C-alpha atoms as a PDB file:
ATOM      1  CA  MET A   1       1.128  -3.206  18.861  1.00  0.00           C
ATOM      2  CA  ASP A   2       0.425  -6.401  20.703  1.00  0.00           C
ATOM      3  CA  ASP A   3       2.172  -9.473  19.241  1.00  0.00           C
ATOM      4  CA  ASP A   4      -1.074 -11.481  19.329  1.00  0.00           C
ATOM      5  CA  VAL A   5      -2.831  -8.863  17.204  1.00  0.00           C
ATOM      6  CA  VAL A   6      -0.021  -8.897  14.641  1.00  0.00           C
ATOM      7  CA  THR A   7       0.047 -12.697  14.581  1.00  0.00           C
ATOM      8  CA  GLU A   8      -3.723 -12.838  14.027  1.00  0.00           C
ATOM      9  CA  ALA A   9      -3.576 -10.197  11.272  1.00  0.00           C
ATOM     10  CA  LEU A  10      -0.845 -12.117   9.441  1.00  0.00           C
ATOM     11  CA  ALA A  11      -2.737 -15.393   9.802  1.00  0.00           C
ATOM     12  CA  ARG A  12      -5.916 -13.762   8.475  1.00  0.00           C
ATOM     13  CA  ARG A  13      -3.999 -12.345   5.510  1.00  0.00           C
ATOM     14  CA  ASP A  14      -2.515 -15.770   4.753  1.00  0.00           C
ATOM     15  CA  ARG A  15      -5.995 -17.369   4.895  1.00  0.00           C
ATOM     16  CA  LEU A  16      -7.437 -14.771   2.517  1.00  0.00           C
ATOM     17  CA  VAL A  17      -4.573 -15.315   0.067  1.00  0.00           C
ATOM     18  CA  ALA A  18      -5.013 -19.104   0.250  1.00  0.00           C
ATOM     19  CA  GLU A  19      -8.774 -18.723  -0.388  1.00  0.00           C
ATOM     20  CA  GLY A  20      -8.144 -16.475  -3.394  1.00  0.00           C
ATOM     21  CA  LYS A  21      -9.886 -13.527  -1.730  1.00  0.00           C
ATOM     22  CA  LEU A  22      -6.766 -11.366  -1.512  1.00  0.00           C
ATOM     23  CA  LEU A  23      -4.212 -10.788  -4.231  1.00  0.00           C
ATOM     24  CA  THR A  24      -0.571 -10.169  -3.486  1.00  0.00           C
ATOM     25  CA  PHE A  25       2.376  -9.378  -5.705  1.00  0.00           C
ATOM     26  CA  ARG A  26       6.119  -9.096  -5.447  1.00  0.00           C
ATOM     27  CA  PRO A  27       7.830  -5.965  -6.744  1.00  0.00           C
ATOM     28  CA  GLU A  28       9.743  -6.452  -9.992  1.00  0.00           C
ATOM     29  CA  GLY A  29      12.744  -4.554  -8.708  1.00  0.00           C
ATOM     30  CA  PRO A  30      14.066  -2.807  -5.637  1.00  0.00           C
ATOM     31  CA  VAL A  31      11.495  -0.790  -3.716  1.00  0.00           C
ATOM     32  CA  PRO A  32      12.442   2.891  -3.314  1.00  0.00           C
ATOM     33  CA  GLY A  33      12.907   4.307   0.167  1.00  0.00           C
ATOM     34  CA  LEU A  34      11.079   7.351   1.516  1.00  0.00           C
ATOM     35  CA  ASP A  35      13.962   9.687   0.690  1.00  0.00           C
ATOM     36  CA  GLU A  36      13.988   8.510  -2.927  1.00  0.00           C
ATOM     37  CA  ILE A  37      10.208   8.855  -3.197  1.00  0.00           C
ATOM     38  CA  GLU A  38      10.369  12.386  -1.818  1.00  0.00           C
ATOM     39  CA  GLU A  39      13.051  13.256  -4.368  1.00  0.00           C
ATOM     40  CA  LEU A  40      11.077  11.705  -7.231  1.00  0.00           C
ATOM     41  CA  SER A  41       7.871  13.499  -6.258  1.00  0.00           C
ATOM     42  CA  ARG A  42       9.454  16.900  -5.727  1.00  0.00           C
ATOM     43  CA  GLY A  43       7.711  19.415  -7.955  1.00  0.00           C
ATOM     44  CA  TRP A  44       4.452  17.531  -8.306  1.00  0.00           C
ATOM     45  CA  GLY A  45       2.712  20.145  -6.203  1.00  0.00           C
ATOM     46  CA  THR A  46      -0.863  19.366  -5.257  1.00  0.00           C
ATOM     47  CA  ALA A  47      -1.792  17.513  -8.467  1.00  0.00           C
ATOM     48  CA  VAL A  48      -1.675  14.048  -6.916  1.00  0.00           C
ATOM     49  CA  SER A  49      -3.593  15.057  -3.788  1.00  0.00           C
ATOM     50  CA  GLU A  50      -6.215  16.826  -5.889  1.00  0.00           C
ATOM     51  CA  ALA A  51      -6.610  13.798  -8.158  1.00  0.00           C
ATOM     52  CA  LEU A  52      -7.022  11.515  -5.148  1.00  0.00           C
ATOM     53  CA  ASP A  53      -9.569  13.876  -3.589  1.00  0.00           C
ATOM     54  CA  TRP A  54     -11.473  13.995  -6.879  1.00  0.00           C
ATOM     55  CA  THR A  55     -11.818  10.202  -7.079  1.00  0.00           C
ATOM     56  CA  ARG A  56     -12.652   9.568  -3.415  1.00  0.00           C
ATOM     57  CA  GLY A  57     -15.995   7.940  -2.923  1.00  0.00           C
ATOM     58  CA  GLU A  58     -16.326   6.764  -6.521  1.00  0.00           C
ATOM     59  CA  TRP A  59     -15.216   3.183  -5.922  1.00  0.00           C
END
């Protein structure tokens, strides 16, 4: 990605936060890595995907 595009995106995000139009938060603890997430979600099957599909378009 072009550095100018990234710089503009970050500046836009900062403006939206400053204007109160975008909320941000800091995680309360360490953020899990992809390997840990895969391990945690093992066995969930299709339940999460089906739930997400079911709610799409209702926002």
